[in-house]
Amino acid sequence: MNPAPLGSPPRILHIFSIFRIFRIFLPRLPRSVFLLFPPVILFPQPLRYSCTVTQISPQSRTLAVRCEASLPGKRMKIVFRDRYAGLSGLGARISSLEIFNASDPASPLVFTYRVNLSAPIEPGGYALASSLGPEAAVLYASDLFPVLQARDDRGVSVAHISVEPPEGWTMAGAEGGDAVDSETAVYVLGRLREHSFAIGNMRWRVVAAGDVSVADGEVHRLAEAIARAQAEMIGGGRSGDHLVAVAPFPLPLTGLRSTGLARGRAIALLVNPGNDPEVARAHLARHLAHEMFHVYLPNAFVISENFDWFWEGFTRYAALLTLLDAREIAFQDYLDALQSEFDAYAANPLRTQTSLVAASPEKFASPAHYEIVYRKGMIVGALYDLELRRRTRVQRRLPDVMKNLYRDYALTGRAAGNSEVLAALGREGDFARFIADYIEGVREIDLAADLAPYGIDADRRSARGRARLRVSPRLNGLNKALISSFGGRAGAPR
């Protein structure tokens, strides 16, 4: 999820902790509670389940929730999410559960509880779960509200949500209704500064809160430039409402860093700007391009298995191409980014032990697995793109493959996994050896040697003795066309 670190896994297996019923009488709330009802309802009604968020306190970083559900007179379980995307212990944030009307099947079940979001977590994880700070809140329905589950029945998620912002704050995101998707519903609160624009049938709302060291106008301009470039890249945007939110971390941090998550059509990005506004702007642009591309891949897809190497690693590369297409960066910036990724890859002990395909399901098992998915995934995306352009005399590029996948799977609702993605990559020509070596296998990447055929040299005379990629001064006609095909802003990097 970066630049550093990037990681916006949109689809992770839910893991719930179930505790015994007597725990409801202990000071700490259990993550799962059984409720017993006598079977007296002769004509069961559909379960209707709604929640309201109140008493949001930016100072104490707490909030209250009141939920109401009509139940079909059966034994019911209230289940709070405890783990998500490498985070654990989320259920411990829930306390003070009170249940009303539990013995009366003729009345709606009402329960209230409090959520404490003050516990610090690893900075990269702040965007993955609901957060609340003095300047902004990012609330996810999936970890704020429980699932109601009858024995042998599928769990029922909240369908209607309302949020009462603190005084002086406003809210952006899904605003209730009876068709809320609890897995993708995102609510951003704060003293929001807003901008909106449309691209075809796509309606975008961009909000900023607090100080991220990048002017609001620049945040708005970047988001619109990225959205337009990616809609063109993928062959048309997803219709409907989209949200981009940029806000500070909930707790003070040091140094330039960011973390983000794309859920459905909403992107939340938390930024700690560091000391250099121009460096912060470049960092924000790259991370924003990555998260916004997730609106298409994988959020628009039906996913049959984990292929994070593509939807994270190749999306990381697609973010670079987005900024080139939007003329936000120059080709030298692109080369510098590849070198930076390679430096991290070269220090990874798993680089010759774990393939991209094997590392993807283990992304959260260790930092080394995570880095293989993102760093190696991005480099392999670049090598594939360069070779595809060379073989087709710049008539095809990686975004064309992504466009075909989007058309054939996302727009049709067909499920996609490793085999479908690898088949799409392989259909562009004789890429069987490339796929076997770099995606399914563990062949080590030698970036300088691998880029030389495309007219890119490694200049080892650069500052501090580090190699820096450069366009070769001696290019043949094909390599001139290949490098020109990347476009980008003219001139040296900023």
Protein backbone atom coordinates (compact mmCIF):
# COMPACT_ATOMS: atom_id res chain seq x y z
CA MET A 1 0.00 0.00 0.00
CA ASN A 2 2.60 2.70 -0.55
CA PRO A 3 4.71 3.87 -2.08
CA ALA A 4 5.79 2.85 1.42
CA PRO A 5 4.07 0.70 2.39
CA LEU A 6 1.30 -0.08 -0.09
CA GLY A 7 -1.29 -2.65 0.74
CA SER A 8 -4.87 -2.27 0.07
CA PRO A 9 -6.30 -5.74 0.08
CA PRO A 10 -9.99 -5.34 -0.68
CA ARG A 11 -11.07 -8.95 -0.21
CA ILE A 12 -9.85 -10.86 2.88
CA LEU A 13 -11.40 -13.92 4.57
CA HIS A 14 -13.44 -12.91 7.64
CA ILE A 15 -12.25 -14.56 10.85
CA PHE A 16 -14.51 -14.23 13.88
CA SER A 17 -13.77 -15.11 17.50
CA ILE A 18 -16.63 -16.79 19.41
CA PHE A 19 -16.74 -16.58 23.19
CA ARG A 20 -19.05 -18.21 25.70
CA ILE A 21 -22.28 -16.48 26.67
CA PHE A 22 -21.28 -15.90 30.29
CA ARG A 23 -18.62 -13.49 29.03
CA ILE A 24 -21.35 -10.89 28.48
CA PHE A 25 -21.33 -10.34 32.21
CA LEU A 26 -17.60 -9.62 32.34
CA PRO A 27 -16.18 -6.08 31.95
CA ARG A 28 -14.76 -6.79 28.50
CA LEU A 29 -17.31 -7.48 25.80
CA PRO A 30 -17.06 -10.83 23.98
CA ARG A 31 -16.62 -10.79 20.23
CA SER A 32 -19.63 -13.12 19.85
CA VAL A 33 -22.85 -13.34 21.90
CA PHE A 34 -25.66 -15.93 21.72
CA LEU A 35 -29.26 -14.81 22.19
CA LEU A 36 -32.03 -17.35 22.81
CA PHE A 37 -35.62 -16.91 21.62
CA PRO A 38 -38.64 -19.18 22.04
CA PRO A 39 -39.98 -20.49 18.71
CA VAL A 40 -43.34 -18.71 18.88
CA ILE A 41 -43.45 -16.77 15.60
CA LEU A 42 -45.90 -18.42 13.23
CA PHE A 43 -45.25 -16.14 10.26
CA PRO A 44 -41.58 -15.15 10.20
CA GLN A 45 -40.82 -11.70 8.85
CA PRO A 46 -37.71 -10.78 6.88
CA LEU A 47 -34.88 -9.67 9.14
CA ARG A 48 -34.40 -5.91 9.04
CA TYR A 49 -31.23 -4.63 10.64
CA SER A 50 -30.18 -0.98 11.02
CA CYS A 51 -27.60 0.94 13.07
CA THR A 52 -26.91 4.54 14.07
CA VAL A 53 -23.48 5.91 15.05
CA THR A 54 -23.65 8.65 17.69
CA GLN A 55 -21.50 10.38 20.33
CA ILE A 56 -18.43 10.52 18.09
CA SER A 57 -15.66 12.07 20.21
CA PRO A 58 -12.48 13.14 18.37
CA GLN A 59 -10.89 13.89 21.76
CA SER A 60 -11.37 10.48 23.38
CA ARG A 61 -11.49 8.70 19.99
CA THR A 62 -14.64 6.83 20.96
CA LEU A 63 -18.15 6.50 19.57
CA ALA A 64 -21.44 4.84 20.41
CA VAL A 65 -23.63 2.58 18.27
CA ARG A 66 -27.32 1.74 18.56
CA CYS A 67 -28.72 -1.09 16.44
CA GLU A 68 -32.23 -2.41 15.93
CA ALA A 69 -33.23 -5.65 14.22
CA SER A 70 -36.46 -7.55 13.66
CA LEU A 71 -35.67 -11.19 14.30
CA PRO A 72 -37.47 -14.34 13.12
CA GLY A 73 -37.80 -15.81 16.62
CA LYS A 74 -34.79 -18.08 16.64
CA ARG A 75 -31.49 -18.49 18.38
CA MET A 76 -29.23 -15.70 17.19
CA LYS A 77 -25.57 -14.86 17.42
CA ILE A 78 -23.98 -11.39 17.29
CA VAL A 79 -20.55 -11.62 15.68
CA PHE A 80 -18.00 -8.80 15.55
CA ARG A 81 -15.06 -8.95 13.17
CA ASP A 82 -11.83 -9.67 15.00
CA ARG A 83 -9.25 -9.90 12.17
CA TYR A 84 -8.75 -8.26 8.82
CA ALA A 85 -5.80 -7.95 6.43
CA GLY A 86 -3.15 -8.84 8.98
CA LEU A 87 -4.77 -6.86 11.82
CA SER A 88 -6.00 -8.82 14.84
CA GLY A 89 -7.81 -7.98 18.05
CA LEU A 90 -10.35 -5.68 16.41
CA GLY A 91 -13.08 -7.15 18.59
CA ALA A 92 -11.31 -5.86 21.70
CA ARG A 93 -12.33 -2.33 20.68
CA ILE A 94 -16.00 -3.18 21.43
CA SER A 95 -17.31 -2.67 24.96
CA SER A 96 -20.41 -1.96 27.06
CA LEU A 97 -22.81 -4.12 25.10
CA GLU A 98 -26.41 -3.84 26.31
CA ILE A 99 -29.23 -5.95 24.84
CA PHE A 100 -32.92 -5.06 25.06
CA ASN A 101 -36.06 -7.05 24.19
CA ALA A 102 -34.06 -10.26 23.86
CA SER A 103 -36.91 -12.37 25.32
CA ASP A 104 -39.73 -10.74 23.37
CA PRO A 105 -39.89 -11.99 19.76
CA ALA A 106 -42.74 -9.61 19.04
CA SER A 107 -40.51 -6.57 19.56
CA PRO A 108 -37.42 -5.53 17.65
CA LEU A 109 -34.13 -6.53 19.20
CA VAL A 110 -32.22 -3.42 20.29
CA PHE A 111 -28.60 -3.46 21.34
CA THR A 112 -26.06 -0.73 22.03
CA TYR A 113 -22.31 -0.72 22.49
CA ARG A 114 -19.29 1.56 22.48
CA VAL A 115 -16.23 1.49 20.23
CA ASN A 116 -12.82 2.68 21.45
CA LEU A 117 -10.45 3.55 18.59
CA SER A 118 -7.68 5.00 20.74
CA ALA A 119 -5.32 2.01 20.78
CA PRO A 120 -2.30 2.66 18.52
CA ILE A 121 -1.57 0.19 15.75
CA GLU A 122 1.22 -0.21 13.21
CA PRO A 123 0.99 2.88 10.93
CA GLY A 124 0.49 0.87 7.74
CA GLY A 125 -2.64 -0.67 9.24
CA TYR A 126 -4.50 2.52 10.07
CA ALA A 127 -6.34 2.62 6.74
CA LEU A 128 -7.41 -1.02 7.04
CA ALA A 129 -9.78 -0.54 9.98
CA SER A 130 -11.98 2.26 11.28
CA SER A 131 -9.98 5.16 12.71
CA LEU A 132 -10.79 8.39 14.53
CA GLY A 133 -8.52 11.32 15.30
CA PRO A 134 -8.77 15.03 16.10
CA GLU A 135 -9.12 16.07 12.45
CA ALA A 136 -10.92 13.22 10.71
CA ALA A 137 -12.62 9.85 11.02
CA VAL A 138 -12.68 7.00 8.51
CA LEU A 139 -15.37 4.51 9.50
CA TYR A 140 -15.91 1.12 7.85
CA ALA A 141 -19.21 -0.66 8.26
CA SER A 142 -17.47 -4.04 8.11
CA ASP A 143 -15.68 -3.65 11.46
CA LEU A 144 -18.05 -1.26 13.26
CA PHE A 145 -21.21 -3.36 12.98
CA PRO A 146 -21.64 -7.05 13.78
CA VAL A 147 -23.16 -9.81 11.70
CA LEU A 148 -26.37 -11.37 13.07
CA GLN A 149 -26.23 -15.09 12.55
CA ALA A 150 -28.79 -17.79 13.28
CA ARG A 151 -27.61 -21.36 13.60
CA ASP A 152 -27.33 -23.00 10.17
CA ASP A 153 -28.29 -19.71 8.49
CA ARG A 154 -26.19 -17.26 6.56
CA GLY A 155 -25.19 -14.20 8.56
CA VAL A 156 -27.17 -11.00 8.04
CA SER A 157 -25.25 -7.71 7.80
CA VAL A 158 -26.52 -4.24 8.59
CA ALA A 159 -28.58 -2.80 5.72
CA HIS A 160 -29.38 0.72 6.89
CA ILE A 161 -26.77 2.98 8.49
CA SER A 162 -26.94 6.55 9.76
CA VAL A 163 -24.06 8.56 11.20
CA GLU A 164 -24.30 11.68 13.36
CA PRO A 165 -21.09 13.75 12.87
CA PRO A 166 -19.62 15.78 15.73
CA GLU A 167 -20.45 19.47 15.84
CA GLY A 168 -18.75 21.36 13.02
CA TRP A 169 -17.92 18.18 11.08
CA THR A 170 -19.53 16.96 7.88
CA MET A 171 -19.63 13.52 6.30
CA ALA A 172 -18.90 12.02 2.91
CA GLY A 173 -19.66 8.51 1.75
CA ALA A 174 -22.68 6.25 1.70
CA GLU A 175 -25.42 8.01 3.61
CA GLY A 176 -27.83 5.29 4.61
CA GLY A 177 -30.64 3.78 2.60
CA ASP A 178 -31.85 0.20 2.65
CA ALA A 179 -29.24 -1.30 0.32
CA VAL A 180 -25.95 -0.59 2.12
CA ASP A 181 -23.18 -3.07 1.32
CA SER A 182 -21.52 -3.56 4.69
CA GLU A 183 -18.30 -4.78 3.05
CA THR A 184 -17.78 -1.62 1.03
CA ALA A 185 -19.58 1.13 2.97
CA VAL A 186 -17.14 3.89 3.96
CA TYR A 187 -17.88 7.08 5.92
CA VAL A 188 -15.37 9.93 6.10
CA LEU A 189 -15.96 12.70 8.63
CA GLY A 190 -14.20 15.94 9.46
CA ARG A 191 -14.15 19.59 8.50
CA LEU A 192 -14.16 18.50 4.89
CA ARG A 193 -13.13 20.62 1.92
CA GLU A 194 -14.77 19.23 -1.19
CA HIS A 195 -14.43 19.13 -4.95
CA SER A 196 -16.50 17.17 -7.44
CA PHE A 197 -16.25 16.29 -11.11
CA ALA A 198 -17.72 13.84 -13.60
CA ILE A 199 -16.18 11.57 -16.22
CA GLY A 200 -18.95 10.17 -18.39
CA ASN A 201 -21.28 8.38 -15.99
CA MET A 202 -18.71 8.43 -13.18
CA ARG A 203 -19.38 11.02 -10.48
CA TRP A 204 -16.36 11.74 -8.28
CA ARG A 205 -16.33 13.48 -4.90
CA VAL A 206 -12.90 14.45 -3.51
CA VAL A 207 -12.64 15.48 0.14
CA ALA A 208 -9.70 16.60 2.25
CA ALA A 209 -9.44 17.10 6.00
CA GLY A 210 -6.66 18.43 8.18
CA ASP A 211 -3.16 19.28 7.00
CA VAL A 212 -1.42 16.87 4.62
CA SER A 213 1.08 19.49 3.35
CA VAL A 214 -0.47 19.44 -0.12
CA ALA A 215 -2.85 22.25 -1.08
CA ASP A 216 -6.49 21.31 -1.55
CA GLY A 217 -6.42 22.52 -5.14
CA GLU A 218 -3.50 20.22 -5.90
CA VAL A 219 -5.21 17.24 -4.25
CA HIS A 220 -8.32 17.92 -6.33
CA ARG A 221 -6.32 18.38 -9.54
CA LEU A 222 -4.33 15.18 -9.01
CA ALA A 223 -7.43 13.11 -8.28
CA GLU A 224 -9.19 14.36 -11.40
CA ALA A 225 -6.13 13.88 -13.64
CA ILE A 226 -5.65 10.33 -12.33
CA ALA A 227 -9.34 9.44 -12.69
CA ARG A 228 -9.39 10.63 -16.32
CA ALA A 229 -6.18 8.81 -17.23
CA GLN A 230 -7.34 5.55 -15.67
CA ALA A 231 -10.80 5.69 -17.25
CA GLU A 232 -9.08 6.07 -20.62
CA MET A 233 -6.58 3.33 -19.78
CA ILE A 234 -9.27 0.79 -18.85
CA GLY A 235 -11.61 1.68 -21.70
CA GLY A 236 -14.37 3.47 -19.81
CA GLY A 237 -15.14 4.14 -16.17
CA ARG A 238 -17.47 2.46 -13.70
CA SER A 239 -20.74 4.38 -13.57
CA GLY A 240 -22.01 5.69 -10.25
CA ASP A 241 -20.68 7.66 -7.31
CA HIS A 242 -17.02 7.50 -6.29
CA LEU A 243 -15.24 8.97 -3.27
CA VAL A 244 -11.60 9.95 -2.68
CA ALA A 245 -10.71 11.09 0.84
CA VAL A 246 -7.32 12.38 2.01
CA ALA A 247 -6.71 13.03 5.71
CA PRO A 248 -3.96 12.92 8.36
CA PHE A 249 -3.24 9.87 10.50
CA PRO A 250 -5.29 9.77 13.72
CA LEU A 251 -2.11 9.97 15.84
CA PRO A 252 1.00 12.13 15.33
CA LEU A 253 3.77 10.38 13.36
CA THR A 254 7.19 11.34 12.07
CA GLY A 255 8.44 11.21 8.51
CA LEU A 256 6.73 10.94 5.15
CA ARG A 257 4.38 7.97 5.00
CA SER A 258 0.92 7.03 3.86
CA THR A 259 -1.52 4.17 4.04
CA GLY A 260 -4.65 3.66 2.00
CA LEU A 261 -7.50 1.35 1.21
CA ALA A 262 -9.97 1.14 -1.65
CA ARG A 263 -13.31 -0.46 -0.85
CA GLY A 264 -15.85 -0.64 -3.61
CA ARG A 265 -15.85 2.82 -5.16
CA ALA A 266 -14.39 4.62 -2.12
CA ILE A 267 -10.71 5.39 -1.50
CA ALA A 268 -9.42 6.51 1.89
CA LEU A 269 -5.81 7.73 2.10
CA LEU A 270 -4.10 8.73 5.35
CA VAL A 271 -0.97 10.84 4.93
CA ASN A 272 1.82 12.05 7.19
CA PRO A 273 3.53 14.63 4.97
CA GLY A 274 7.06 14.91 6.32
CA ASN A 275 9.07 18.09 5.88
CA ASP A 276 9.19 18.63 2.09
CA PRO A 277 5.85 19.61 0.47
CA GLU A 278 7.08 18.81 -3.04
CA VAL A 279 8.23 15.33 -2.04
CA ALA A 280 4.92 14.88 -0.24
CA ARG A 281 3.05 15.86 -3.41
CA ALA A 282 4.94 13.28 -5.50
CA HIS A 283 4.38 10.61 -2.87
CA LEU A 284 0.67 11.42 -2.67
CA ALA A 285 0.31 11.29 -6.46
CA ARG A 286 1.82 7.84 -6.71
CA HIS A 287 -0.13 6.35 -3.82
CA LEU A 288 -3.36 7.97 -4.97
CA ALA A 289 -2.91 6.52 -8.47
CA HIS A 290 -2.42 3.06 -6.95
CA GLU A 291 -5.50 3.15 -4.74
CA MET A 292 -7.72 4.72 -7.40
CA PHE A 293 -6.84 1.95 -9.87
CA HIS A 294 -8.26 -0.54 -7.36
CA VAL A 295 -11.71 0.79 -8.26
CA TYR A 296 -11.19 -1.28 -11.41
CA LEU A 297 -8.82 -4.03 -10.26
CA PRO A 298 -9.84 -5.96 -8.23
CA ASN A 299 -12.90 -4.14 -6.84
CA ALA A 300 -14.92 -4.49 -10.04
CA PHE A 301 -14.06 -8.20 -10.36
CA VAL A 302 -15.51 -11.40 -8.97
CA ILE A 303 -12.39 -12.98 -7.46
CA SER A 304 -12.07 -16.77 -7.42
CA GLU A 305 -8.69 -16.93 -5.67
CA ASN A 306 -5.87 -14.74 -4.41
CA PHE A 307 -3.71 -13.18 -7.15
CA ASP A 308 -2.34 -10.21 -5.23
CA TRP A 309 0.82 -10.27 -7.35
CA PHE A 310 -1.32 -8.87 -10.15
CA TRP A 311 -3.92 -6.71 -8.40
CA GLU A 312 -1.27 -5.20 -6.10
CA GLY A 313 2.11 -5.57 -7.82
CA PHE A 314 0.94 -4.90 -11.38
CA THR A 315 -1.43 -2.18 -10.09
CA ARG A 316 1.59 -0.55 -8.46
CA TYR A 317 3.12 -0.47 -11.92
CA ALA A 318 -0.15 0.74 -13.48
CA ALA A 319 0.01 3.70 -11.09
CA LEU A 320 3.33 4.75 -12.68
CA LEU A 321 1.82 4.44 -16.15
CA THR A 322 -1.17 6.49 -14.99
CA LEU A 323 1.11 9.35 -13.94
CA LEU A 324 3.00 9.14 -17.23
CA ASP A 325 -0.24 9.18 -19.22
CA ALA A 326 -1.45 12.16 -17.19
CA ARG A 327 1.92 13.88 -17.73
CA GLU A 328 2.44 14.17 -13.99
CA ILE A 329 5.91 12.62 -14.15
CA ALA A 330 8.73 12.32 -16.68
CA PHE A 331 10.21 9.09 -18.02
CA GLN A 332 13.24 9.57 -15.75
CA ASP A 333 10.89 9.55 -12.74
CA TYR A 334 9.59 6.23 -14.05
CA LEU A 335 13.14 4.84 -14.25
CA ASP A 336 13.99 6.12 -10.78
CA ALA A 337 10.91 4.38 -9.38
CA LEU A 338 11.94 1.08 -10.98
CA GLN A 339 15.43 1.37 -9.50
CA SER A 340 14.02 2.09 -6.05
CA GLU A 341 11.77 -0.98 -6.24
CA PHE A 342 14.68 -3.10 -7.40
CA ASP A 343 16.91 -1.96 -4.53
CA ALA A 344 14.28 -3.22 -2.07
CA TYR A 345 13.77 -6.44 -4.05
CA ALA A 346 17.51 -7.13 -4.17
CA ALA A 347 17.68 -7.03 -0.36
CA ASN A 348 14.79 -9.50 0.07
CA PRO A 349 15.92 -12.97 1.25
CA LEU A 350 12.92 -14.60 -0.43
CA ARG A 351 13.66 -13.29 -3.93
CA THR A 352 15.03 -16.66 -5.13
CA GLN A 353 12.86 -18.82 -2.88
CA THR A 354 9.24 -17.71 -3.31
CA SER A 355 7.39 -17.04 -6.55
CA LEU A 356 4.90 -14.25 -7.04
CA VAL A 357 2.04 -16.76 -7.18
CA ALA A 358 3.19 -18.49 -3.97
CA ALA A 359 3.86 -15.24 -2.08
CA SER A 360 0.43 -13.76 -2.73
CA PRO A 361 -1.67 -15.83 -0.28
CA GLU A 362 1.09 -15.34 2.32
CA LYS A 363 1.28 -11.57 1.88
CA PHE A 364 0.67 -10.90 5.56
CA ALA A 365 2.80 -13.80 6.80
CA SER A 366 5.96 -11.69 6.87
CA PRO A 367 7.35 -8.39 5.56
CA ALA A 368 9.44 -10.35 3.06
CA HIS A 369 6.35 -11.98 1.50
CA TYR A 370 4.63 -8.59 1.41
CA GLU A 371 7.60 -7.02 -0.38
CA ILE A 372 7.75 -9.83 -2.96
CA VAL A 373 4.12 -9.17 -3.90
CA TYR A 374 4.54 -5.41 -4.22
CA ARG A 375 8.16 -4.82 -5.22
CA LYS A 376 8.82 -7.82 -7.43
CA GLY A 377 5.26 -7.65 -8.75
CA MET A 378 5.84 -4.09 -9.93
CA ILE A 379 9.21 -4.87 -11.54
CA VAL A 380 7.80 -7.91 -13.35
CA GLY A 381 4.92 -5.75 -14.57
CA ALA A 382 7.47 -3.32 -16.03
CA LEU A 383 9.50 -6.07 -17.71
CA TYR A 384 6.36 -7.58 -19.24
CA ASP A 385 5.18 -4.18 -20.46
CA LEU A 386 8.54 -3.34 -22.06
CA GLU A 387 8.75 -6.71 -23.79
CA LEU A 388 5.16 -6.48 -25.04
CA ARG A 389 5.82 -3.05 -26.52
CA ARG A 390 9.02 -4.28 -28.16
CA ARG A 391 7.45 -7.40 -29.67
CA THR A 392 4.45 -5.52 -31.05
CA ARG A 393 6.48 -2.51 -32.21
CA VAL A 394 4.65 -0.41 -29.58
CA GLN A 395 1.20 -1.38 -30.83
CA ARG A 396 0.32 -3.10 -27.52
CA ARG A 397 1.09 -2.40 -23.87
CA LEU A 398 0.17 -3.82 -20.46
CA PRO A 399 -2.91 -1.58 -20.03
CA ASP A 400 -4.36 -3.26 -23.13
CA VAL A 401 -4.21 -6.60 -21.31
CA MET A 402 -5.87 -5.06 -18.26
CA LYS A 403 -8.54 -3.53 -20.48
CA ASN A 404 -9.30 -6.96 -21.96
CA LEU A 405 -9.51 -8.54 -18.51
CA TYR A 406 -11.86 -5.79 -17.36
CA ARG A 407 -14.07 -6.27 -20.43
CA ASP A 408 -14.10 -10.08 -20.30
CA TYR A 409 -14.48 -10.56 -16.53
CA ALA A 410 -15.42 -7.43 -14.58
CA LEU A 411 -18.12 -6.30 -17.01
CA THR A 412 -19.54 -9.81 -17.46
CA GLY A 413 -19.38 -10.92 -13.81
CA ARG A 414 -17.26 -13.97 -14.65
CA ALA A 415 -14.90 -15.03 -11.86
CA ALA A 416 -11.17 -14.48 -12.35
CA GLY A 417 -8.11 -15.99 -10.70
CA ASN A 418 -4.51 -16.87 -11.49
CA SER A 419 -5.29 -19.04 -14.50
CA GLU A 420 -7.44 -16.36 -16.17
CA VAL A 421 -4.85 -13.62 -15.61
CA LEU A 422 -1.92 -15.76 -16.74
CA ALA A 423 -3.87 -16.83 -19.82
CA ALA A 424 -4.54 -13.17 -20.68
CA LEU A 425 -0.84 -12.34 -20.33
CA GLY A 426 0.13 -15.35 -22.40
CA ARG A 427 -2.26 -14.59 -25.25
CA GLU A 428 -0.22 -11.54 -26.19
CA GLY A 429 2.54 -13.68 -27.68
CA ASP A 430 5.16 -16.21 -26.66
CA PHE A 431 5.34 -15.30 -22.98
CA ALA A 432 5.34 -18.87 -21.61
CA ARG A 433 8.99 -18.73 -20.54
CA PHE A 434 8.59 -15.25 -19.05
CA ILE A 435 5.58 -16.38 -16.99
CA ALA A 436 7.31 -19.58 -15.86
CA ASP A 437 10.48 -17.71 -14.83
CA TYR A 438 9.22 -14.51 -13.24
CA ILE A 439 5.63 -15.16 -12.07
CA GLU A 440 5.35 -18.89 -11.36
CA GLY A 441 9.07 -19.37 -10.76
CA VAL A 442 11.88 -17.81 -8.77
CA ARG A 443 14.34 -16.67 -11.41
CA GLU A 444 16.30 -13.75 -9.97
CA ILE A 445 15.89 -10.40 -11.70
CA ASP A 446 19.03 -8.62 -12.92
CA LEU A 447 17.52 -5.24 -13.64
CA ALA A 448 20.46 -3.70 -15.50
CA ALA A 449 20.83 -6.72 -17.80
CA ASP A 450 17.08 -7.15 -18.24
CA LEU A 451 16.56 -3.51 -19.28
CA ALA A 452 19.54 -3.22 -21.62
CA PRO A 453 17.69 -4.63 -24.69
CA TYR A 454 15.19 -1.77 -24.42
CA GLY A 455 17.79 1.00 -24.56
CA ILE A 456 18.01 1.59 -20.81
CA ASP A 457 21.42 1.65 -19.12
CA ALA A 458 22.48 1.51 -15.46
CA ASP A 459 24.75 4.47 -14.73
CA ARG A 460 26.91 3.47 -11.77
CA ARG A 461 28.67 6.83 -11.60
CA SER A 462 25.69 8.47 -9.91
CA ALA A 463 25.80 10.06 -6.47
CA ARG A 464 26.59 7.84 -3.45
CA GLY A 465 27.75 5.05 -5.73
CA ARG A 466 24.21 3.83 -6.41
CA ALA A 467 23.18 2.80 -9.87
CA ARG A 468 20.73 5.05 -11.66
CA LEU A 469 18.82 3.99 -14.73
CA ARG A 470 19.22 6.22 -17.78
CA VAL A 471 18.06 6.21 -21.37
CA SER A 472 20.99 5.03 -23.48
CA PRO A 473 22.60 7.71 -25.68
CA ARG A 474 22.72 5.12 -28.49
CA LEU A 475 19.23 3.97 -29.41
CA ASN A 476 18.11 2.04 -32.47
CA GLY A 477 14.87 3.01 -34.20
CA LEU A 478 12.68 0.51 -32.34
CA ASN A 479 14.00 1.52 -28.93
CA LYS A 480 13.44 5.18 -29.73
CA ALA A 481 9.81 4.40 -30.54
CA LEU A 482 9.49 2.19 -27.46
CA ILE A 483 10.70 4.85 -25.04
CA SER A 484 8.67 7.54 -26.79
CA SER A 485 5.55 5.39 -26.33
CA PHE A 486 5.67 5.99 -22.58
CA GLY A 487 4.96 9.70 -23.01
CA GLY A 488 5.23 11.54 -19.74
CA ARG A 489 6.08 15.08 -18.86
CA ALA A 490 9.02 16.63 -20.69
CA GLY A 491 12.15 17.55 -18.79
CA ALA A 492 14.08 16.27 -15.83
CA PRO A 493 12.36 14.94 -12.72
CA ARG A 494 11.14 17.48 -10.20
